[in-house]
Amino acid sequence: DYYSIGWFRQGPGKEREGVSCNSARDSSTRYADSVKGRFTVSRD
């Protein structure tokens, strides 16, 4: 309840990048442009 969670990925030979996050404040979400429309983050 008190923590926002981020999702990240790291491909071969690449730096770790953020793809999505879900805020504990209001469950609002953010997405990297490369995954918008295909990734959906949610929390229980």
All heavy atoms as atom14 arrays in JSON, in Angstrom:
{
  "sequence": "DYYSIGWFRQGPGKEREGVSCNSARDSSTRYADSVKGRFTVSRD",
  "atom14_mask": [
    [1, 1, 1, 1, 1, 1, 1, 1, 0, 0, 0, 0, 0, 0],
    [1, 1, 1, 1, 1, 1, 1, 1, 1, 1, 1, 1, 0, 0],
    [1, 1, 1, 1, 1, 1, 1, 1, 1, 1, 1, 1, 0, 0],
    [1, 1, 1, 1, 1, 1, 0, 0, 0, 0, 0, 0, 0, 0],
    [1, 1, 1, 1, 1, 1, 1, 1, 0, 0, 0, 0, 0, 0],
    [1, 1, 1, 1, 0, 0, 0, 0, 0, 0, 0, 0, 0, 0],
    [1, 1, 1, 1, 1, 1, 1, 1, 1, 1, 1, 1, 1, 1],
    [1, 1, 1, 1, 1, 1, 1, 1, 1, 1, 1, 0, 0, 0],
    [1, 1, 1, 1, 1, 1, 1, 1, 1, 1, 1, 0, 0, 0],
    [1, 1, 1, 1, 1, 1, 1, 1, 1, 0, 0, 0, 0, 0],
    [1, 1, 1, 1, 0, 0, 0, 0, 0, 0, 0, 0, 0, 0],
    [1, 1, 1, 1, 1, 1, 1, 0, 0, 0, 0, 0, 0, 0],
    [1, 1, 1, 1, 0, 0, 0, 0, 0, 0, 0, 0, 0, 0],
    [1, 1, 1, 1, 1, 1, 1, 1, 1, 0, 0, 0, 0, 0],
    [1, 1, 1, 1, 1, 1, 1, 1, 1, 0, 0, 0, 0, 0],
    [1, 1, 1, 1, 1, 1, 1, 1, 1, 1, 1, 0, 0, 0],
    [1, 1, 1, 1, 1, 1, 1, 1, 1, 0, 0, 0, 0, 0],
    [1, 1, 1, 1, 0, 0, 0, 0, 0, 0, 0, 0, 0, 0],
    [1, 1, 1, 1, 1, 1, 1, 0, 0, 0, 0, 0, 0, 0],
    [1, 1, 1, 1, 1, 1, 0, 0, 0, 0, 0, 0, 0, 0],
    [1, 1, 1, 1, 1, 1, 0, 0, 0, 0, 0, 0, 0, 0],
    [1, 1, 1, 1, 1, 1, 1, 1, 0, 0, 0, 0, 0, 0],
    [1, 1, 1, 1, 1, 1, 0, 0, 0, 0, 0, 0, 0, 0],
    [1, 1, 1, 1, 1, 0, 0, 0, 0, 0, 0, 0, 0, 0],
    [1, 1, 1, 1, 1, 1, 1, 1, 1, 1, 1, 0, 0, 0],
    [1, 1, 1, 1, 1, 1, 1, 1, 0, 0, 0, 0, 0, 0],
    [1, 1, 1, 1, 1, 1, 0, 0, 0, 0, 0, 0, 0, 0],
    [1, 1, 1, 1, 1, 1, 0, 0, 0, 0, 0, 0, 0, 0],
    [1, 1, 1, 1, 1, 1, 1, 0, 0, 0, 0, 0, 0, 0],
    [1, 1, 1, 1, 1, 1, 1, 1, 1, 1, 1, 0, 0, 0],
    [1, 1, 1, 1, 1, 1, 1, 1, 1, 1, 1, 1, 0, 0],
    [1, 1, 1, 1, 1, 0, 0, 0, 0, 0, 0, 0, 0, 0],
    [1, 1, 1, 1, 1, 1, 1, 1, 0, 0, 0, 0, 0, 0],
    [1, 1, 1, 1, 1, 1, 0, 0, 0, 0, 0, 0, 0, 0],
    [1, 1, 1, 1, 1, 1, 1, 0, 0, 0, 0, 0, 0, 0],
    [1, 1, 1, 1, 1, 1, 1, 1, 1, 0, 0, 0, 0, 0],
    [1, 1, 1, 1, 0, 0, 0, 0, 0, 0, 0, 0, 0, 0],
    [1, 1, 1, 1, 1, 1, 1, 1, 1, 1, 1, 0, 0, 0],
    [1, 1, 1, 1, 1, 1, 1, 1, 1, 1, 1, 0, 0, 0],
    [1, 1, 1, 1, 1, 1, 1, 0, 0, 0, 0, 0, 0, 0],
    [1, 1, 1, 1, 1, 1, 1, 0, 0, 0, 0, 0, 0, 0],
    [1, 1, 1, 1, 1, 1, 0, 0, 0, 0, 0, 0, 0, 0],
    [1, 1, 1, 1, 1, 1, 1, 1, 1, 1, 1, 0, 0, 0],
    [1, 1, 1, 1, 1, 1, 1, 1, 0, 0, 0, 0, 0, 0]
  ],
  "atom14_positions": [
    [[0.8, -1.22, 0.0], [0.0, 0.0, 0.0], [0.84, 1.27, 0.0], [0.39, 2.31, -0.48], [-0.88, 0.05, 1.26], [-1.65, -1.23, 1.5], [-1.0, -2.3, 1.6], [-2.88, -1.17, 1.59], [0.0, 0.0, 0.0], [0.0, 0.0, 0.0], [0.0, 0.0, 0.0], [0.0, 0.0, 0.0], [0.0, 0.0, 0.0], [0.0, 0.0, 0.0]],
    [[2.04, 1.22, 0.55], [2.85, 2.41, 0.74], [3.97, 2.55, -0.28], [4.8, 3.47, -0.19], [3.45, 2.42, 2.15], [2.4, 2.29, 3.22], [2.24, 1.11, 3.93], [1.54, 3.35, 3.51], [1.26, 0.97, 4.9], [0.55, 3.23, 4.48], [0.42, 2.04, 5.17], [-0.56, 1.91, 6.13], [0.0, 0.0, 0.0], [0.0, 0.0, 0.0]],
    [[3.98, 1.65, -1.27], [5.07, 1.66, -2.24], [4.54, 1.62, -3.66], [3.65, 0.83, -4.0], [6.0, 0.46, -2.02], [6.81, 0.6, -0.75], [6.29, 0.19, 0.47], [8.08, 1.17, -0.78], [7.02, 0.35, 1.63], [8.82, 1.33, 0.38], [8.29, 0.92, 1.58], [9.0, 1.07, 2.73], [0.0, 0.0, 0.0], [0.0, 0.0, 0.0]],
    [[5.12, 2.46, -4.47], [4.9, 2.36, -5.9], [5.85, 1.3, -6.45], [6.94, 1.09, -5.92], [5.15, 3.7, -6.58], [4.24, 4.68, -6.08], [0.0, 0.0, 0.0], [0.0, 0.0, 0.0], [0.0, 0.0, 0.0], [0.0, 0.0, 0.0], [0.0, 0.0, 0.0], [0.0, 0.0, 0.0], [0.0, 0.0, 0.0], [0.0, 0.0, 0.0]],
    [[5.41, 0.64, -7.5], [6.19, -0.44, -8.1], [6.5, -0.1, -9.55], [5.62, 0.31, -10.3], [5.43, -1.77, -8.03], [5.19, -2.18, -6.56], [6.2, -2.87, -8.76], [6.43, -2.48, -5.76], [0.0, 0.0, 0.0], [0.0, 0.0, 0.0], [0.0, 0.0, 0.0], [0.0, 0.0, 0.0], [0.0, 0.0, 0.0], [0.0, 0.0, 0.0]],
    [[7.74, -0.31, -9.89], [8.15, -0.13, -11.28], [8.51, -1.47, -11.91], [8.94, -2.4, -11.23], [0.0, 0.0, 0.0], [0.0, 0.0, 0.0], [0.0, 0.0, 0.0], [0.0, 0.0, 0.0], [0.0, 0.0, 0.0], [0.0, 0.0, 0.0], [0.0, 0.0, 0.0], [0.0, 0.0, 0.0], [0.0, 0.0, 0.0], [0.0, 0.0, 0.0]],
    [[8.27, -1.54, -13.2], [8.7, -2.7, -13.99], [9.82, -2.25, -14.93], [9.7, -1.2, -15.58], [7.55, -3.26, -14.81], [6.61, -4.15, -14.05], [5.42, -3.82, -13.49], [6.8, -5.55, -13.77], [4.85, -4.9, -12.88], [5.68, -5.99, -13.04], [7.8, -6.47, -14.07], [5.53, -7.3, -12.61], [7.65, -7.77, -13.63], [6.53, -8.18, -12.91]],
    [[10.84, -3.08, -15.03], [12.01, -2.76, -15.83], [12.39, -3.98, -16.65], [11.99, -5.11, -16.33], [13.17, -2.37, -14.89], [12.79, -1.29, -13.92], [12.22, -1.62, -12.71], [12.97, 0.03, -14.24], [11.83, -0.64, -11.81], [12.58, 1.03, -13.36], [12.01, 0.69, -12.15], [0.0, 0.0, 0.0], [0.0, 0.0, 0.0], [0.0, 0.0, 0.0]],
    [[13.17, -3.75, -17.67], [13.68, -4.88, -18.44], [15.1, -4.59, -18.89], [15.5, -3.44, -19.04], [12.78, -5.18, -19.64], [12.76, -4.1, -20.71], [11.75, -4.46, -21.79], [11.72, -3.45, -22.86], [10.85, -3.48, -23.85], [9.93, -4.44, -23.92], [10.89, -2.53, -24.78], [0.0, 0.0, 0.0], [0.0, 0.0, 0.0], [0.0, 0.0, 0.0]],
    [[15.81, -5.67, -19.08], [17.19, -5.56, -19.57], [17.41, -6.64, -20.6], [17.39, -7.84, -20.28], [18.18, -5.7, -18.42], [19.6, -5.41, -18.81], [20.5, -5.18, -17.62], [20.15, -5.49, -16.48], [21.68, -4.62, -17.85], [0.0, 0.0, 0.0], [0.0, 0.0, 0.0], [0.0, 0.0, 0.0], [0.0, 0.0, 0.0], [0.0, 0.0, 0.0]],
    [[17.57, -6.2, -21.83], [17.84, -7.13, -22.92], [19.33, -7.4, -23.04], [20.15, -6.71, -22.44], [0.0, 0.0, 0.0], [0.0, 0.0, 0.0], [0.0, 0.0, 0.0], [0.0, 0.0, 0.0], [0.0, 0.0, 0.0], [0.0, 0.0, 0.0], [0.0, 0.0, 0.0], [0.0, 0.0, 0.0], [0.0, 0.0, 0.0], [0.0, 0.0, 0.0]],
    [[19.7, -8.39, -23.84], [21.1, -8.73, -24.03], [21.91, -7.54, -24.52], [21.57, -6.92, -25.53], [21.06, -9.84, -25.09], [19.67, -10.37, -25.04], [18.8, -9.23, -24.64], [0.0, 0.0, 0.0], [0.0, 0.0, 0.0], [0.0, 0.0, 0.0], [0.0, 0.0, 0.0], [0.0, 0.0, 0.0], [0.0, 0.0, 0.0], [0.0, 0.0, 0.0]],
    [[22.97, -7.21, -23.79], [23.83, -6.11, -24.19], [23.23, -4.73, -24.03], [23.79, -3.75, -24.54], [0.0, 0.0, 0.0], [0.0, 0.0, 0.0], [0.0, 0.0, 0.0], [0.0, 0.0, 0.0], [0.0, 0.0, 0.0], [0.0, 0.0, 0.0], [0.0, 0.0, 0.0], [0.0, 0.0, 0.0], [0.0, 0.0, 0.0], [0.0, 0.0, 0.0]],
    [[22.11, -4.63, -23.34], [21.45, -3.34, -23.18], [21.41, -2.93, -21.71], [21.54, -3.75, -20.82], [20.02, -3.41, -23.73], [19.93, -3.71, -25.21], [18.48, -3.72, -25.67], [18.38, -4.01, -27.14], [16.96, -4.02, -27.6], [0.0, 0.0, 0.0], [0.0, 0.0, 0.0], [0.0, 0.0, 0.0], [0.0, 0.0, 0.0], [0.0, 0.0, 0.0]],
    [[21.2, -1.64, -21.5], [21.01, -1.15, -20.14], [19.59, -1.46, -19.66], [18.68, -1.61, -20.46], [21.26, 0.36, -20.09], [22.7, 0.75, -20.33], [22.96, 2.23, -20.09], [22.0, 2.96, -19.8], [24.12, 2.64, -20.2], [0.0, 0.0, 0.0], [0.0, 0.0, 0.0], [0.0, 0.0, 0.0], [0.0, 0.0, 0.0], [0.0, 0.0, 0.0]],
    [[19.46, -1.49, -18.35], [18.13, -1.69, -17.8], [17.27, -0.46, -18.07], [17.73, 0.67, -17.89], [18.23, -1.93, -16.29], [16.94, -2.34, -15.63], [17.16, -2.75, -14.19], [17.99, -3.95, -14.12], [18.29, -4.57, -12.97], [17.85, -4.1, -11.83], [19.04, -5.65, -12.97], [0.0, 0.0, 0.0], [0.0, 0.0, 0.0], [0.0, 0.0, 0.0]],
    [[16.04, -0.68, -18.52], [15.15, 0.43, -18.83], [13.82, 0.25, -18.13], [13.35, -0.87, -17.93], [14.92, 0.53, -20.34], [14.24, -0.68, -20.95], [13.8, -0.45, -22.39], [13.73, 0.71, -22.83], [13.51, -1.46, -23.07], [0.0, 0.0, 0.0], [0.0, 0.0, 0.0], [0.0, 0.0, 0.0], [0.0, 0.0, 0.0], [0.0, 0.0, 0.0]],
    [[13.22, 1.36, -17.78], [11.91, 1.31, -17.18], [10.83, 1.18, -18.23], [10.88, 1.87, -19.25], [0.0, 0.0, 0.0], [0.0, 0.0, 0.0], [0.0, 0.0, 0.0], [0.0, 0.0, 0.0], [0.0, 0.0, 0.0], [0.0, 0.0, 0.0], [0.0, 0.0, 0.0], [0.0, 0.0, 0.0], [0.0, 0.0, 0.0], [0.0, 0.0, 0.0]],
    [[9.88, 0.29, -18.03], [8.79, 0.12, -18.99], [7.44, 0.56, -18.44], [6.57, 0.98, -19.2], [8.7, -1.33, -19.51], [9.95, -1.71, -20.28], [8.46, -2.32, -18.37], [0.0, 0.0, 0.0], [0.0, 0.0, 0.0], [0.0, 0.0, 0.0], [0.0, 0.0, 0.0], [0.0, 0.0, 0.0], [0.0, 0.0, 0.0], [0.0, 0.0, 0.0]],
    [[7.27, 0.48, -17.12], [5.98, 0.85, -16.56], [6.11, 1.05, -15.06], [7.05, 0.55, -14.43], [4.95, -0.25, -16.84], [3.68, 0.11, -16.35], [0.0, 0.0, 0.0], [0.0, 0.0, 0.0], [0.0, 0.0, 0.0], [0.0, 0.0, 0.0], [0.0, 0.0, 0.0], [0.0, 0.0, 0.0], [0.0, 0.0, 0.0], [0.0, 0.0, 0.0]],
    [[5.17, 1.78, -14.5], [5.11, 1.87, -13.04], [3.66, 2.1, -12.62], [2.83, 2.55, -13.41], [6.01, 2.96, -12.48], [5.6, 4.65, -12.98], [0.0, 0.0, 0.0], [0.0, 0.0, 0.0], [0.0, 0.0, 0.0], [0.0, 0.0, 0.0], [0.0, 0.0, 0.0], [0.0, 0.0, 0.0], [0.0, 0.0, 0.0], [0.0, 0.0, 0.0]],
    [[3.41, 1.75, -11.37], [2.07, 1.87, -10.79], [2.22, 2.56, -9.45], [2.93, 2.09, -8.58], [1.46, 0.47, -10.62], [0.08, 0.52, -10.02], [-0.09, 0.79, -8.84], [-0.92, 0.25, -10.83], [0.0, 0.0, 0.0], [0.0, 0.0, 0.0], [0.0, 0.0, 0.0], [0.0, 0.0, 0.0], [0.0, 0.0, 0.0], [0.0, 0.0, 0.0]],
    [[1.54, 3.69, -9.33], [1.68, 4.49, -8.12], [0.79, 3.99, -7.0], [-0.4, 3.71, -7.22], [1.33, 5.95, -8.43], [1.29, 6.71, -7.24], [0.0, 0.0, 0.0], [0.0, 0.0, 0.0], [0.0, 0.0, 0.0], [0.0, 0.0, 0.0], [0.0, 0.0, 0.0], [0.0, 0.0, 0.0], [0.0, 0.0, 0.0], [0.0, 0.0, 0.0]],
    [[1.34, 3.92, -5.79], [0.54, 3.55, -4.63], [-0.38, 4.68, -4.2], [-1.34, 4.46, -3.47], [1.46, 3.15, -3.48], [0.0, 0.0, 0.0], [0.0, 0.0, 0.0], [0.0, 0.0, 0.0], [0.0, 0.0, 0.0], [0.0, 0.0, 0.0], [0.0, 0.0, 0.0], [0.0, 0.0, 0.0], [0.0, 0.0, 0.0], [0.0, 0.0, 0.0]],
    [[-0.06, 5.91, -4.63], [-0.85, 7.07, -4.2], [-2.28, 6.98, -4.74], [-3.24, 7.2, -4.02], [-0.19, 8.36, -4.65], [-0.92, 9.61, -4.23], [-0.09, 10.84, -4.52], [1.07, 10.95, -3.65], [2.34, 10.88, -4.06], [2.59, 10.69, -5.33], [3.34, 10.99, -3.21], [0.0, 0.0, 0.0], [0.0, 0.0, 0.0], [0.0, 0.0, 0.0]],
    [[-2.4, 6.66, -6.03], [-3.73, 6.66, -6.65], [-3.87, 5.6, -7.74], [-4.78, 5.66, -8.55], [-4.03, 8.04, -7.24], [-2.97, 8.49, -8.24], [-2.07, 7.69, -8.53], [-3.05, 9.63, -8.71], [0.0, 0.0, 0.0], [0.0, 0.0, 0.0], [0.0, 0.0, 0.0], [0.0, 0.0, 0.0], [0.0, 0.0, 0.0], [0.0, 0.0, 0.0]],
    [[-2.93, 4.65, -7.75], [-2.9, 3.59, -8.77], [-2.74, 4.13, -10.19], [-3.04, 3.42, -11.15], [-4.15, 2.71, -8.68], [-4.13, 1.94, -7.48], [0.0, 0.0, 0.0], [0.0, 0.0, 0.0], [0.0, 0.0, 0.0], [0.0, 0.0, 0.0], [0.0, 0.0, 0.0], [0.0, 0.0, 0.0], [0.0, 0.0, 0.0], [0.0, 0.0, 0.0]],
    [[-2.29, 5.37, -10.31], [-2.02, 5.87, -11.65], [-0.83, 5.11, -12.24], [-0.02, 4.53, -11.52], [-1.72, 7.38, -11.61], [-0.6, 7.65, -10.81], [0.0, 0.0, 0.0], [0.0, 0.0, 0.0], [0.0, 0.0, 0.0], [0.0, 0.0, 0.0], [0.0, 0.0, 0.0], [0.0, 0.0, 0.0], [0.0, 0.0, 0.0], [0.0, 0.0, 0.0]],
    [[-0.75, 5.13, -13.55], [0.26, 4.33, -14.23], [1.03, 5.17, -15.25], [0.56, 6.21, -15.71], [-0.4, 3.14, -14.95], [-1.38, 3.64, -15.87], [-1.08, 2.21, -13.96], [0.0, 0.0, 0.0], [0.0, 0.0, 0.0], [0.0, 0.0, 0.0], [0.0, 0.0, 0.0], [0.0, 0.0, 0.0], [0.0, 0.0, 0.0], [0.0, 0.0, 0.0]],
    [[2.2, 4.7, -15.58], [3.02, 5.3, -16.63], [3.61, 4.18, -17.47], [3.85, 3.07, -16.97], [4.17, 6.13, -16.04], [3.77, 7.42, -15.4], [5.01, 8.17, -14.95], [5.75, 8.73, -16.08], [6.92, 9.34, -15.94], [7.5, 9.45, -14.75], [7.54, 9.85, -16.99], [0.0, 0.0, 0.0], [0.0, 0.0, 0.0], [0.0, 0.0, 0.0]],
    [[3.86, 4.51, -18.73], [4.43, 3.53, -19.64], [5.5, 4.19, -20.51], [5.35, 5.34, -20.92], [3.35, 2.93, -20.54], [2.27, 2.22, -19.78], [1.09, 2.87, -19.43], [2.43, 0.9, -19.38], [0.09, 2.23, -18.71], [1.45, 0.25, -18.65], [0.28, 0.92, -18.32], [-0.7, 0.28, -17.6], [0.0, 0.0, 0.0], [0.0, 0.0, 0.0]],
    [[6.52, 3.42, -20.82], [7.48, 3.87, -21.81], [6.8, 3.9, -23.17], [5.88, 3.12, -23.44], [8.68, 2.92, -21.84], [0.0, 0.0, 0.0], [0.0, 0.0, 0.0], [0.0, 0.0, 0.0], [0.0, 0.0, 0.0], [0.0, 0.0, 0.0], [0.0, 0.0, 0.0], [0.0, 0.0, 0.0], [0.0, 0.0, 0.0], [0.0, 0.0, 0.0]],
    [[7.23, 4.81, -24.03], [6.6, 4.94, -25.34], [6.64, 3.63, -26.12], [5.7, 3.32, -26.87], [7.3, 6.04, -26.15], [7.01, 7.43, -25.61], [6.03, 7.59, -24.83], [7.75, 8.36, -25.97], [0.0, 0.0, 0.0], [0.0, 0.0, 0.0], [0.0, 0.0, 0.0], [0.0, 0.0, 0.0], [0.0, 0.0, 0.0], [0.0, 0.0, 0.0]],
    [[7.68, 2.86, -25.93], [7.86, 1.63, -26.7], [6.85, 0.54, -26.35], [6.69, -0.43, -27.1], [9.28, 1.08, -26.5], [9.52, 0.82, -25.13], [0.0, 0.0, 0.0], [0.0, 0.0, 0.0], [0.0, 0.0, 0.0], [0.0, 0.0, 0.0], [0.0, 0.0, 0.0], [0.0, 0.0, 0.0], [0.0, 0.0, 0.0], [0.0, 0.0, 0.0]],
    [[6.15, 0.71, -25.22], [5.22, -0.36, -24.8], [3.79, 0.13, -24.66], [2.89, -0.67, -24.36], [5.69, -0.99, -23.48], [7.14, -1.46, -23.58], [5.5, -0.06, -22.3], [0.0, 0.0, 0.0], [0.0, 0.0, 0.0], [0.0, 0.0, 0.0], [0.0, 0.0, 0.0], [0.0, 0.0, 0.0], [0.0, 0.0, 0.0], [0.0, 0.0, 0.0]],
    [[3.56, 1.41, -24.86], [2.21, 1.95, -24.71], [1.23, 1.23, -25.61], [1.51, 0.97, -26.78], [2.19, 3.45, -25.03], [2.69, 4.32, -23.9], [2.64, 5.79, -24.28], [3.18, 6.65, -23.14], [3.23, 8.08, -23.51], [0.0, 0.0, 0.0], [0.0, 0.0, 0.0], [0.0, 0.0, 0.0], [0.0, 0.0, 0.0], [0.0, 0.0, 0.0]],
    [[0.09, 0.89, -25.05], [-0.94, 0.2, -25.81], [-0.79, -1.32, -25.78], [-1.71, -2.04, -26.17], [0.0, 0.0, 0.0], [0.0, 0.0, 0.0], [0.0, 0.0, 0.0], [0.0, 0.0, 0.0], [0.0, 0.0, 0.0], [0.0, 0.0, 0.0], [0.0, 0.0, 0.0], [0.0, 0.0, 0.0], [0.0, 0.0, 0.0], [0.0, 0.0, 0.0]],
    [[0.36, -1.81, -25.31], [0.58, -3.26, -25.27], [0.8, -3.78, -23.85], [0.53, -4.95, -23.56], [1.8, -3.64, -26.12], [1.68, -3.28, -27.57], [2.81, -3.87, -28.4], [4.12, -3.37, -27.96], [5.09, -4.15, -27.49], [4.9, -5.44, -27.35], [6.26, -3.62, -27.14], [0.0, 0.0, 0.0], [0.0, 0.0, 0.0], [0.0, 0.0, 0.0]],
    [[1.27, -2.93, -22.97], [1.54, -3.31, -21.58], [0.51, -2.65, -20.68], [0.16, -1.48, -20.87], [2.93, -2.83, -21.15], [4.09, -3.62, -21.72], [4.01, -4.23, -22.96], [5.28, -3.71, -21.01], [5.09, -4.94, -23.48], [6.37, -4.41, -21.52], [6.28, -5.03, -22.76], [0.0, 0.0, 0.0], [0.0, 0.0, 0.0], [0.0, 0.0, 0.0]],
    [[0.05, -3.4, -19.7], [-0.88, -2.86, -18.7], [-0.43, -3.3, -17.32], [-0.29, -4.51, -17.06], [-2.32, -3.35, -18.94], [-2.72, -3.02, -20.27], [-3.27, -2.72, -17.94], [0.0, 0.0, 0.0], [0.0, 0.0, 0.0], [0.0, 0.0, 0.0], [0.0, 0.0, 0.0], [0.0, 0.0, 0.0], [0.0, 0.0, 0.0], [0.0, 0.0, 0.0]],
    [[-0.22, -2.32, -16.44], [0.22, -2.63, -15.07], [-0.96, -2.44, -14.13], [-1.76, -1.52, -14.28], [1.42, -1.76, -14.66], [1.07, -0.27, -14.66], [1.98, -2.2, -13.32], [0.0, 0.0, 0.0], [0.0, 0.0, 0.0], [0.0, 0.0, 0.0], [0.0, 0.0, 0.0], [0.0, 0.0, 0.0], [0.0, 0.0, 0.0], [0.0, 0.0, 0.0]],
    [[-1.06, -3.33, -13.16], [-2.13, -3.24, -12.17], [-1.63, -3.81, -10.84], [-0.59, -4.48, -10.81], [-3.37, -4.01, -12.64], [-3.06, -5.39, -12.82], [0.0, 0.0, 0.0], [0.0, 0.0, 0.0], [0.0, 0.0, 0.0], [0.0, 0.0, 0.0], [0.0, 0.0, 0.0], [0.0, 0.0, 0.0], [0.0, 0.0, 0.0], [0.0, 0.0, 0.0]],
    [[-2.34, -3.52, -9.78], [-1.92, -4.02, -8.47], [-3.11, -4.58, -7.71], [-4.26, -4.18, -7.92], [-1.28, -2.93, -7.63], [-2.17, -1.76, -7.27], [-1.53, -0.89, -6.17], [-0.23, -0.4, -6.54], [0.75, -0.2, -5.65], [0.55, -0.46, -4.37], [1.93, 0.28, -6.05], [0.0, 0.0, 0.0], [0.0, 0.0, 0.0], [0.0, 0.0, 0.0]],
    [[-2.82, -5.53, -6.84], [-3.8, -6.07, -5.92], [-3.15, -6.02, -4.54], [-2.37, -6.9, -4.16], [-4.15, -7.52, -6.3], [-5.26, -8.1, -5.43], [-5.44, -7.64, -4.3], [-5.91, -9.04, -5.88], [0.0, 0.0, 0.0], [0.0, 0.0, 0.0], [0.0, 0.0, 0.0], [0.0, 0.0, 0.0], [0.0, 0.0, 0.0], [0.0, 0.0, 0.0]]
  ]
}
